Amino acid sequence: MDKLILGRYIPGDSLIHRLDPRSKLLAMILYIVIVFWANNLVTNLLMIAFTLVAVILSKIKLSFFLRGVRPMIGIILFTTLFQMFFTQGGETYFQFGILKITSYGFSQAVLIFMRFVLIIFFSTLLTLTTTPLSLADGVESLLKPFVRFKVPAHEIGLMLSLSLRFVPTLMDDTTRIMKAQQARGVDFGEGNLIQKVKSIIPILIPLFASSFKRADALALAMEARGYQGGDGRTKYRILQWRFKDSLTILIVVILGILLFYLKES
């Protein structure tokens, strides 16, 4: 838990750090769309190469990303197992009762695993190279045209900023609570599946209690500072869209066009 890096920010002066948060958010949205067009070896290699280049440009070590993704691999594998066992078609590799592994199910499970990993890598890159305040400003700016349709752009940006900000805090709280429970004799690895699920309850209850307490303290702090929403507020940080931001979006669009023509129909 303490190695989960999603939601953390690492200060730096790389090309990715200097991009406008709006361009990074738009690139992230486009990336999530086009990653589902990667359904063969060539398209997946293109996505992997693009993601690795982005990581290199961020000047953050690849090993750091791998350590951060490792705690989520179990969840991803659990999801892909359902796809592998319950998607039928093609040659049968293994069968036990209603469980069957086929060539089509296996290939689909691999594709889903790759998509999850790539999306986690790219979204983690976004949070590692962009401060929560910049992300909030970027979301608010992108949603500003929808204000006329009564979309609360400022509030959505604030919620996103707070959510990303407190992801590592909640992970740290979880680690601290687990260590405290283990010091009291709780073993989270013993017993069957039901017993392991029950052992999580001593973590969830204090975690929820501390989360509500922290949320109440945050609300009081915002109210004490006179926070009243986004109406009439001026901006200390002025976002500036530059040529490199347009070039970033263009590169992602070109990648999407290549994937569209290279994907299997």
C-alpha atoms as a PDB file:
ATOM      1  CA  MET A   1       0.000   0.000   0.000  1.00  0.00           C
ATOM      2  CA  ASP A   2       2.749   2.449   0.875  1.00  0.00           C
ATOM      3  CA  LYS A   3       4.277   1.999  -2.583  1.00  0.00           C
ATOM      4  CA  LEU A   4       1.131   2.990  -4.503  1.00  0.00           C
ATOM      5  CA  ILE A   5       2.075   6.110  -6.464  1.00  0.00           C
ATOM      6  CA  LEU A   6      -1.255   6.974  -8.119  1.00  0.00           C
ATOM      7  CA  GLY A   7      -2.234  10.457  -6.939  1.00  0.00           C
ATOM      8  CA  ARG A   8       1.251  11.504  -5.839  1.00  0.00           C
ATOM      9  CA  TYR A   9       3.140  14.405  -7.409  1.00  0.00           C
ATOM     10  CA  ILE A  10       6.895  14.440  -8.005  1.00  0.00           C
ATOM     11  CA  PRO A  11       8.359  17.915  -8.655  1.00  0.00           C
ATOM     12  CA  GLY A  12      10.430  18.188 -11.802  1.00  0.00           C
ATOM     13  CA  ASP A  13      11.326  20.280 -14.823  1.00  0.00           C
ATOM     14  CA  SER A  14      10.831  17.793 -17.622  1.00  0.00           C
ATOM     15  CA  LEU A  15       8.944  18.398 -20.861  1.00  0.00           C
ATOM     16  CA  ILE A  16       5.933  16.530 -19.471  1.00  0.00           C
ATOM     17  CA  HIS A  17       5.995  18.613 -16.276  1.00  0.00           C
ATOM     18  CA  ARG A  18       5.968  21.851 -18.281  1.00  0.00           C
ATOM     19  CA  LEU A  19       2.962  20.939 -20.423  1.00  0.00           C
ATOM     20  CA  ASP A  20      -0.305  22.740 -19.804  1.00  0.00           C
ATOM     21  CA  PRO A  21      -2.566  20.601 -17.570  1.00  0.00           C
ATOM     22  CA  ARG A  22      -5.372  20.981 -20.124  1.00  0.00           C
ATOM     23  CA  SER A  23      -3.262  19.363 -22.845  1.00  0.00           C
ATOM     24  CA  LYS A  24      -2.332  16.509 -20.513  1.00  0.00           C
ATOM     25  CA  LEU A  25      -5.971  15.952 -19.577  1.00  0.00           C
ATOM     26  CA  LEU A  26      -7.065  15.984 -23.221  1.00  0.00           C
ATOM     27  CA  ALA A  27      -4.216  13.625 -24.101  1.00  0.00           C
ATOM     28  CA  MET A  28      -5.326  11.324 -21.286  1.00  0.00           C
ATOM     29  CA  ILE A  29      -8.929  11.268 -22.569  1.00  0.00           C
ATOM     30  CA  LEU A  30      -7.766  10.545 -26.131  1.00  0.00           C
ATOM     31  CA  TYR A  31      -5.353   7.891 -24.837  1.00  0.00           C
ATOM     32  CA  ILE A  32      -8.149   6.035 -23.016  1.00  0.00           C
ATOM     33  CA  VAL A  33     -10.254   6.085 -26.203  1.00  0.00           C
ATOM     34  CA  ILE A  34      -7.556   4.865 -28.575  1.00  0.00           C
ATOM     35  CA  VAL A  35      -6.161   2.212 -26.224  1.00  0.00           C
ATOM     36  CA  PHE A  36      -9.296   0.161 -26.971  1.00  0.00           C
ATOM     37  CA  TRP A  37      -8.293   0.134 -30.653  1.00  0.00           C
ATOM     38  CA  ALA A  38      -5.117  -1.761 -29.769  1.00  0.00           C
ATOM     39  CA  ASN A  39      -6.286  -5.325 -30.380  1.00  0.00           C
ATOM     40  CA  ASN A  40      -3.267  -6.983 -32.007  1.00  0.00           C
ATOM     41  CA  LEU A  41       0.490  -7.265 -31.546  1.00  0.00           C
ATOM     42  CA  VAL A  42       1.443  -4.263 -33.715  1.00  0.00           C
ATOM     43  CA  THR A  43      -1.026  -1.842 -32.154  1.00  0.00           C
ATOM     44  CA  ASN A  44      -0.123  -2.918 -28.622  1.00  0.00           C
ATOM     45  CA  LEU A  45       3.578  -2.466 -29.375  1.00  0.00           C
ATOM     46  CA  LEU A  46       2.811   1.054 -30.638  1.00  0.00           C
ATOM     47  CA  MET A  47       0.950   1.883 -27.409  1.00  0.00           C
ATOM     48  CA  ILE A  48       3.735   0.425 -25.261  1.00  0.00           C
ATOM     49  CA  ALA A  49       6.391   2.367 -27.189  1.00  0.00           C
ATOM     50  CA  PHE A  50       4.416   5.609 -26.926  1.00  0.00           C
ATOM     51  CA  THR A  51       3.891   5.130 -23.185  1.00  0.00           C
ATOM     52  CA  LEU A  52       7.566   4.316 -22.577  1.00  0.00           C
ATOM     53  CA  VAL A  53       8.650   7.421 -24.522  1.00  0.00           C
ATOM     54  CA  ALA A  54       6.304   9.539 -22.400  1.00  0.00           C
ATOM     55  CA  VAL A  55       7.764   8.020 -19.213  1.00  0.00           C
ATOM     56  CA  ILE A  56      11.311   8.701 -20.434  1.00  0.00           C
ATOM     57  CA  LEU A  57      10.434  12.310 -21.277  1.00  0.00           C
ATOM     58  CA  SER A  58       9.071  12.760 -17.744  1.00  0.00           C
ATOM     59  CA  LYS A  59      12.549  11.887 -16.374  1.00  0.00           C
ATOM     60  CA  ILE A  60      10.954   9.565 -13.811  1.00  0.00           C
ATOM     61  CA  LYS A  61      12.574   6.147 -13.486  1.00  0.00           C
ATOM     62  CA  LEU A  62      10.681   3.273 -15.078  1.00  0.00           C
ATOM     63  CA  SER A  63      11.420   1.130 -12.013  1.00  0.00           C
ATOM     64  CA  PHE A  64       9.533   3.685  -9.929  1.00  0.00           C
ATOM     65  CA  PHE A  65       6.471   3.191 -12.151  1.00  0.00           C
ATOM     66  CA  LEU A  66       6.755  -0.585 -11.943  1.00  0.00           C
ATOM     67  CA  ARG A  67       6.914  -0.496  -8.133  1.00  0.00           C
ATOM     68  CA  GLY A  68       3.858   1.752  -8.088  1.00  0.00           C
ATOM     69  CA  VAL A  69       1.817  -0.459 -10.416  1.00  0.00           C
ATOM     70  CA  ARG A  70       2.728  -3.666  -8.564  1.00  0.00           C
ATOM     71  CA  PRO A  71       0.089  -3.285  -5.779  1.00  0.00           C
ATOM     72  CA  MET A  72      -2.639  -3.070  -8.453  1.00  0.00           C
ATOM     73  CA  ILE A  73      -1.505  -6.076 -10.489  1.00  0.00           C
ATOM     74  CA  GLY A  74      -3.540  -8.436  -8.301  1.00  0.00           C
ATOM     75  CA  ILE A  75      -6.761  -6.527  -8.951  1.00  0.00           C
ATOM     76  CA  ILE A  76      -6.046  -6.429 -12.681  1.00  0.00           C
ATOM     77  CA  LEU A  77      -5.308 -10.168 -12.800  1.00  0.00           C
ATOM     78  CA  PHE A  78      -8.506 -10.927 -10.873  1.00  0.00           C
ATOM     79  CA  THR A  79     -10.491  -8.951 -13.459  1.00  0.00           C
ATOM     80  CA  THR A  80      -8.812 -10.581 -16.439  1.00  0.00           C
ATOM     81  CA  LEU A  81      -9.346 -14.081 -15.035  1.00  0.00           C
ATOM     82  CA  PHE A  82     -13.109 -13.631 -15.372  1.00  0.00           C
ATOM     83  CA  GLN A  83     -12.596 -12.626 -18.994  1.00  0.00           C
ATOM     84  CA  MET A  84     -10.406 -15.648 -19.640  1.00  0.00           C
ATOM     85  CA  PHE A  85     -12.709 -18.222 -18.049  1.00  0.00           C
ATOM     86  CA  PHE A  86     -16.053 -16.930 -19.270  1.00  0.00           C
ATOM     87  CA  THR A  87     -15.217 -15.800 -22.821  1.00  0.00           C
ATOM     88  CA  GLN A  88     -15.583 -18.736 -25.166  1.00  0.00           C
ATOM     89  CA  GLY A  89     -14.390 -19.260 -28.712  1.00  0.00           C
ATOM     90  CA  GLY A  90     -11.580 -20.853 -30.639  1.00  0.00           C
ATOM     91  CA  GLU A  91      -9.454 -23.793 -29.539  1.00  0.00           C
ATOM     92  CA  THR A  92      -9.954 -25.168 -26.012  1.00  0.00           C
ATOM     93  CA  TYR A  93      -6.770 -25.192 -23.920  1.00  0.00           C
ATOM     94  CA  PHE A  94      -8.184 -26.303 -20.546  1.00  0.00           C
ATOM     95  CA  GLN A  95     -11.569 -27.266 -19.103  1.00  0.00           C
ATOM     96  CA  PHE A  96     -12.679 -28.057 -15.564  1.00  0.00           C
ATOM     97  CA  GLY A  97     -16.453 -28.188 -15.104  1.00  0.00           C
ATOM     98  CA  ILE A  98     -17.961 -24.933 -16.292  1.00  0.00           C
ATOM     99  CA  LEU A  99     -14.545 -23.277 -16.357  1.00  0.00           C
ATOM    100  CA  LYS A 100     -12.953 -23.320 -19.776  1.00  0.00           C
ATOM    101  CA  ILE A 101      -9.893 -21.576 -21.190  1.00  0.00           C
ATOM    102  CA  THR A 102     -10.044 -21.051 -24.929  1.00  0.00           C
ATOM    103  CA  SER A 103      -7.709 -19.346 -27.368  1.00  0.00           C
ATOM    104  CA  TYR A 104     -10.133 -16.456 -27.844  1.00  0.00           C
ATOM    105  CA  GLY A 105     -10.719 -16.046 -24.101  1.00  0.00           C
ATOM    106  CA  PHE A 106      -6.975 -16.101 -23.410  1.00  0.00           C
ATOM    107  CA  SER A 107      -6.233 -13.490 -26.098  1.00  0.00           C
ATOM    108  CA  GLN A 108      -9.023 -11.241 -24.806  1.00  0.00           C
ATOM    109  CA  ALA A 109      -7.706 -11.557 -21.245  1.00  0.00           C
ATOM    110  CA  VAL A 110      -4.215 -10.535 -22.394  1.00  0.00           C
ATOM    111  CA  LEU A 111      -5.652  -7.536 -24.261  1.00  0.00           C
ATOM    112  CA  ILE A 112      -7.657  -6.399 -21.240  1.00  0.00           C
ATOM    113  CA  PHE A 113      -4.622  -6.825 -18.983  1.00  0.00           C
ATOM    114  CA  MET A 114      -2.519  -4.698 -21.335  1.00  0.00           C
ATOM    115  CA  ARG A 115      -5.209  -2.010 -21.540  1.00  0.00           C
ATOM    116  CA  PHE A 116      -5.510  -1.778 -17.763  1.00  0.00           C
ATOM    117  CA  VAL A 117      -1.737  -1.564 -17.295  1.00  0.00           C
ATOM    118  CA  LEU A 118      -1.306   1.060 -20.032  1.00  0.00           C
ATOM    119  CA  ILE A 119      -4.144   3.214 -18.687  1.00  0.00           C
ATOM    120  CA  ILE A 120      -2.734   3.000 -15.145  1.00  0.00           C
ATOM    121  CA  PHE A 121       0.740   3.923 -16.423  1.00  0.00           C
ATOM    122  CA  PHE A 122      -0.525   6.942 -18.355  1.00  0.00           C
ATOM    123  CA  SER A 123      -2.875   8.171 -15.620  1.00  0.00           C
ATOM    124  CA  THR A 124      -0.084   7.761 -13.059  1.00  0.00           C
ATOM    125  CA  LEU A 125       2.199   9.775 -15.341  1.00  0.00           C
ATOM    126  CA  LEU A 126      -0.439  12.509 -15.370  1.00  0.00           C
ATOM    127  CA  THR A 127      -0.639  12.738 -11.579  1.00  0.00           C
ATOM    128  CA  LEU A 128       3.132  12.402 -11.040  1.00  0.00           C
ATOM    129  CA  THR A 129       3.879  15.352 -13.337  1.00  0.00           C
ATOM    130  CA  THR A 130       0.927  17.628 -12.516  1.00  0.00           C
ATOM    131  CA  THR A 131       0.088  19.229  -9.188  1.00  0.00           C
ATOM    132  CA  PRO A 132      -3.461  18.668  -7.877  1.00  0.00           C
ATOM    133  CA  LEU A 133      -4.122  22.421  -8.084  1.00  0.00           C
ATOM    134  CA  SER A 134      -3.066  22.504 -11.735  1.00  0.00           C
ATOM    135  CA  LEU A 135      -5.290  19.512 -12.470  1.00  0.00           C
ATOM    136  CA  ALA A 136      -8.220  21.269 -10.829  1.00  0.00           C
ATOM    137  CA  ASP A 137      -7.557  24.409 -12.880  1.00  0.00           C
ATOM    138  CA  GLY A 138      -7.306  22.331 -16.050  1.00  0.00           C
ATOM    139  CA  VAL A 139     -10.575  20.488 -15.421  1.00  0.00           C
ATOM    140  CA  GLU A 140     -12.351  23.730 -14.570  1.00  0.00           C
ATOM    141  CA  SER A 141     -11.032  25.403 -17.716  1.00  0.00           C
ATOM    142  CA  LEU A 142     -12.064  22.480 -19.943  1.00  0.00           C
ATOM    143  CA  LEU A 143     -15.561  22.393 -18.422  1.00  0.00           C
ATOM    144  CA  LYS A 144     -16.042  26.160 -18.512  1.00  0.00           C
ATOM    145  CA  PRO A 145     -17.972  26.120 -21.850  1.00  0.00           C
ATOM    146  CA  PHE A 146     -20.550  23.830 -20.198  1.00  0.00           C
ATOM    147  CA  VAL A 147     -21.283  26.265 -17.368  1.00  0.00           C
ATOM    148  CA  ARG A 148     -24.151  27.674 -19.441  1.00  0.00           C
ATOM    149  CA  PHE A 149     -25.738  24.222 -19.179  1.00  0.00           C
ATOM    150  CA  LYS A 150     -25.431  24.481 -15.381  1.00  0.00           C
ATOM    151  CA  VAL A 151     -22.418  22.149 -15.157  1.00  0.00           C
ATOM    152  CA  PRO A 152     -20.548  23.002 -11.896  1.00  0.00           C
ATOM    153  CA  ALA A 153     -17.106  23.255 -13.484  1.00  0.00           C
ATOM    154  CA  HIS A 154     -15.333  24.713 -10.453  1.00  0.00           C
ATOM    155  CA  GLU A 155     -16.842  22.206  -8.034  1.00  0.00           C
ATOM    156  CA  ILE A 156     -15.937  19.255 -10.277  1.00  0.00           C
ATOM    157  CA  GLY A 157     -12.353  20.500 -10.532  1.00  0.00           C
ATOM    158  CA  LEU A 158     -12.189  20.926  -6.765  1.00  0.00           C
ATOM    159  CA  MET A 159     -13.534  17.410  -6.150  1.00  0.00           C
ATOM    160  CA  LEU A 160     -10.996  15.932  -8.573  1.00  0.00           C
ATOM    161  CA  SER A 161      -8.178  17.851  -6.942  1.00  0.00           C
ATOM    162  CA  LEU A 162      -9.169  16.746  -3.438  1.00  0.00           C
ATOM    163  CA  SER A 163      -9.677  13.137  -4.546  1.00  0.00           C
ATOM    164  CA  LEU A 164      -6.229  12.898  -6.102  1.00  0.00           C
ATOM    165  CA  ARG A 165      -4.680  14.732  -3.171  1.00  0.00           C
ATOM    166  CA  PHE A 166      -6.032  12.294  -0.587  1.00  0.00           C
ATOM    167  CA  VAL A 167      -5.400   9.020  -2.452  1.00  0.00           C
ATOM    168  CA  PRO A 168      -1.825   8.709  -1.070  1.00  0.00           C
ATOM    169  CA  THR A 169      -3.049   9.950   2.328  1.00  0.00           C
ATOM    170  CA  LEU A 170      -5.644   7.169   2.494  1.00  0.00           C
ATOM    171  CA  MET A 171      -3.034   4.641   1.426  1.00  0.00           C
ATOM    172  CA  ASP A 172      -0.710   5.848   4.193  1.00  0.00           C
ATOM    173  CA  ASP A 173      -3.585   5.612   6.705  1.00  0.00           C
ATOM    174  CA  THR A 174      -4.324   2.061   5.527  1.00  0.00           C
ATOM    175  CA  THR A 175      -0.699   1.029   5.965  1.00  0.00           C
ATOM    176  CA  ARG A 176      -0.548   2.577   9.442  1.00  0.00           C
ATOM    177  CA  ILE A 177      -3.788   0.878  10.529  1.00  0.00           C
ATOM    178  CA  MET A 178      -2.627  -2.495   9.181  1.00  0.00           C
ATOM    179  CA  LYS A 179       0.644  -2.243  11.100  1.00  0.00           C
ATOM    180  CA  ALA A 180      -1.252  -1.286  14.261  1.00  0.00           C
ATOM    181  CA  GLN A 181      -3.604  -4.265  13.876  1.00  0.00           C
ATOM    182  CA  GLN A 182      -0.710  -6.623  13.175  1.00  0.00           C
ATOM    183  CA  ALA A 183       0.978  -5.380  16.354  1.00  0.00           C
ATOM    184  CA  ARG A 184      -2.210  -6.452  18.165  1.00  0.00           C
ATOM    185  CA  GLY A 185      -1.969  -9.976  16.717  1.00  0.00           C
ATOM    186  CA  VAL A 186      -4.149  -9.739  13.592  1.00  0.00           C
ATOM    187  CA  ASP A 187      -2.858 -11.904  10.739  1.00  0.00           C
ATOM    188  CA  PHE A 188      -4.247 -10.769   7.381  1.00  0.00           C
ATOM    189  CA  GLY A 189      -2.830 -13.747   5.494  1.00  0.00           C
ATOM    190  CA  GLU A 190      -4.189 -16.713   7.452  1.00  0.00           C
ATOM    191  CA  GLY A 191      -7.415 -18.665   6.975  1.00  0.00           C
ATOM    192  CA  ASN A 192      -9.671 -19.196   3.982  1.00  0.00           C
ATOM    193  CA  LEU A 193     -11.125 -16.534   1.699  1.00  0.00           C
ATOM    194  CA  ILE A 194     -14.035 -15.695   4.038  1.00  0.00           C
ATOM    195  CA  GLN A 195     -11.710 -15.307   7.019  1.00  0.00           C
ATOM    196  CA  LYS A 196      -9.413 -13.060   4.999  1.00  0.00           C
ATOM    197  CA  VAL A 197     -12.385 -10.871   4.025  1.00  0.00           C
ATOM    198  CA  LYS A 198     -13.453 -10.661   7.676  1.00  0.00           C
ATOM    199  CA  SER A 199      -9.917  -9.629   8.668  1.00  0.00           C
ATOM    200  CA  ILE A 200     -10.332  -6.501   6.510  1.00  0.00           C
ATOM    201  CA  ILE A 201     -13.105  -5.166   8.796  1.00  0.00           C
ATOM    202  CA  PRO A 202     -10.622  -4.008  11.496  1.00  0.00           C
ATOM    203  CA  ILE A 203      -9.040  -1.891   8.727  1.00  0.00           C
ATOM    204  CA  LEU A 204     -12.182  -0.455   7.147  1.00  0.00           C
ATOM    205  CA  ILE A 205     -13.859   0.824  10.323  1.00  0.00           C
ATOM    206  CA  PRO A 206     -10.956   3.017  11.583  1.00  0.00           C
ATOM    207  CA  LEU A 207     -10.189   4.030   7.973  1.00  0.00           C
ATOM    208  CA  PHE A 208     -13.740   5.309   7.455  1.00  0.00           C
ATOM    209  CA  ALA A 209     -13.655   7.037  10.844  1.00  0.00           C
ATOM    210  CA  SER A 210     -10.384   8.834  10.066  1.00  0.00           C
ATOM    211  CA  SER A 211     -11.619   9.746   6.567  1.00  0.00           C
ATOM    212  CA  PHE A 212     -14.804  11.364   7.878  1.00  0.00           C
ATOM    213  CA  LYS A 213     -12.810  13.175  10.550  1.00  0.00           C
ATOM    214  CA  ARG A 214     -10.365  14.489   7.959  1.00  0.00           C
ATOM    215  CA  ALA A 215     -13.215  15.548   5.626  1.00  0.00           C
ATOM    216  CA  ASP A 216     -14.882  17.462   8.473  1.00  0.00           C
ATOM    217  CA  ALA A 217     -11.600  19.202   9.348  1.00  0.00           C
ATOM    218  CA  LEU A 218     -11.081  20.109   5.677  1.00  0.00           C
ATOM    219  CA  ALA A 219     -14.592  21.566   5.406  1.00  0.00           C
ATOM    220  CA  LEU A 220     -14.042  23.663   8.544  1.00  0.00           C
ATOM    221  CA  ALA A 221     -10.685  24.893   7.225  1.00  0.00           C
ATOM    222  CA  MET A 222     -12.219  25.918   3.879  1.00  0.00           C
ATOM    223  CA  GLU A 223     -15.107  27.667   5.604  1.00  0.00           C
ATOM    224  CA  ALA A 224     -12.723  29.491   7.973  1.00  0.00           C
ATOM    225  CA  ARG A 225     -10.818  30.811   4.949  1.00  0.00           C
ATOM    226  CA  GLY A 226     -13.995  32.177   3.384  1.00  0.00           C
ATOM    227  CA  TYR A 227     -14.365  29.669   0.551  1.00  0.00           C
ATOM    228  CA  GLN A 228     -17.651  30.230  -1.299  1.00  0.00           C
ATOM    229  CA  GLY A 229     -17.229  28.447  -4.625  1.00  0.00           C
ATOM    230  CA  GLY A 230     -15.886  29.667  -7.934  1.00  0.00           C
ATOM    231  CA  ASP A 231     -18.206  32.639  -8.593  1.00  0.00           C
ATOM    232  CA  GLY A 232     -16.261  35.886  -8.753  1.00  0.00           C
ATOM    233  CA  ARG A 233     -12.930  34.298  -7.854  1.00  0.00           C
ATOM    234  CA  THR A 234      -9.764  35.463  -9.594  1.00  0.00           C
ATOM    235  CA  LYS A 235      -6.923  33.160 -10.640  1.00  0.00           C
ATOM    236  CA  TYR A 236      -3.428  33.260  -9.180  1.00  0.00           C
ATOM    237  CA  ARG A 237      -2.187  30.655 -11.669  1.00  0.00           C
ATOM    238  CA  ILE A 238      -2.895  31.604 -15.293  1.00  0.00           C
ATOM    239  CA  LEU A 239      -2.851  28.663 -17.698  1.00  0.00           C
ATOM    240  CA  GLN A 240      -1.087  29.272 -21.016  1.00  0.00           C
ATOM    241  CA  TRP A 241      -1.568  27.034 -24.036  1.00  0.00           C
ATOM    242  CA  ARG A 242       1.649  26.822 -26.066  1.00  0.00           C
ATOM    243  CA  PHE A 243       2.794  25.214 -29.309  1.00  0.00           C
ATOM    244  CA  LYS A 244       4.142  22.151 -27.484  1.00  0.00           C
ATOM    245  CA  ASP A 245       0.661  21.526 -26.063  1.00  0.00           C
ATOM    246  CA  SER A 246      -0.890  21.572 -29.534  1.00  0.00           C
ATOM    247  CA  LEU A 247       1.919  19.307 -30.755  1.00  0.00           C
ATOM    248  CA  THR A 248       1.199  16.844 -27.932  1.00  0.00           C
ATOM    249  CA  ILE A 249      -2.472  16.578 -28.894  1.00  0.00           C
ATOM    250  CA  LEU A 250      -1.503  16.225 -32.574  1.00  0.00           C
ATOM    251  CA  ILE A 251       0.872  13.352 -31.775  1.00  0.00           C
ATOM    252  CA  VAL A 252      -1.838  11.503 -29.807  1.00  0.00           C
ATOM    253  CA  VAL A 253      -4.323  12.055 -32.668  1.00  0.00           C
ATOM    254  CA  ILE A 254      -1.813  10.687 -35.203  1.00  0.00           C
ATOM    255  CA  LEU A 255      -1.246   7.677 -32.935  1.00  0.00           C
ATOM    256  CA  GLY A 256      -5.013   7.150 -32.805  1.00  0.00           C
ATOM    257  CA  ILE A 257      -5.262   7.268 -36.626  1.00  0.00           C
ATOM    258  CA  LEU A 258      -2.475   4.681 -36.928  1.00  0.00           C
ATOM    259  CA  LEU A 259      -4.179   2.391 -34.418  1.00  0.00           C
ATOM    260  CA  PHE A 260      -7.523   2.764 -36.188  1.00  0.00           C
ATOM    261  CA  TYR A 261      -6.061   1.602 -39.508  1.00  0.00           C
ATOM    262  CA  LEU A 262      -3.868  -1.125 -38.013  1.00  0.00           C
ATOM    263  CA  LYS A 263      -6.435  -2.641 -35.654  1.00  0.00           C
ATOM    264  CA  GLU A 264      -8.166  -5.903 -36.477  1.00  0.00           C
ATOM    265  CA  SER A 265     -11.785  -5.516 -37.487  1.00  0.00           C
END
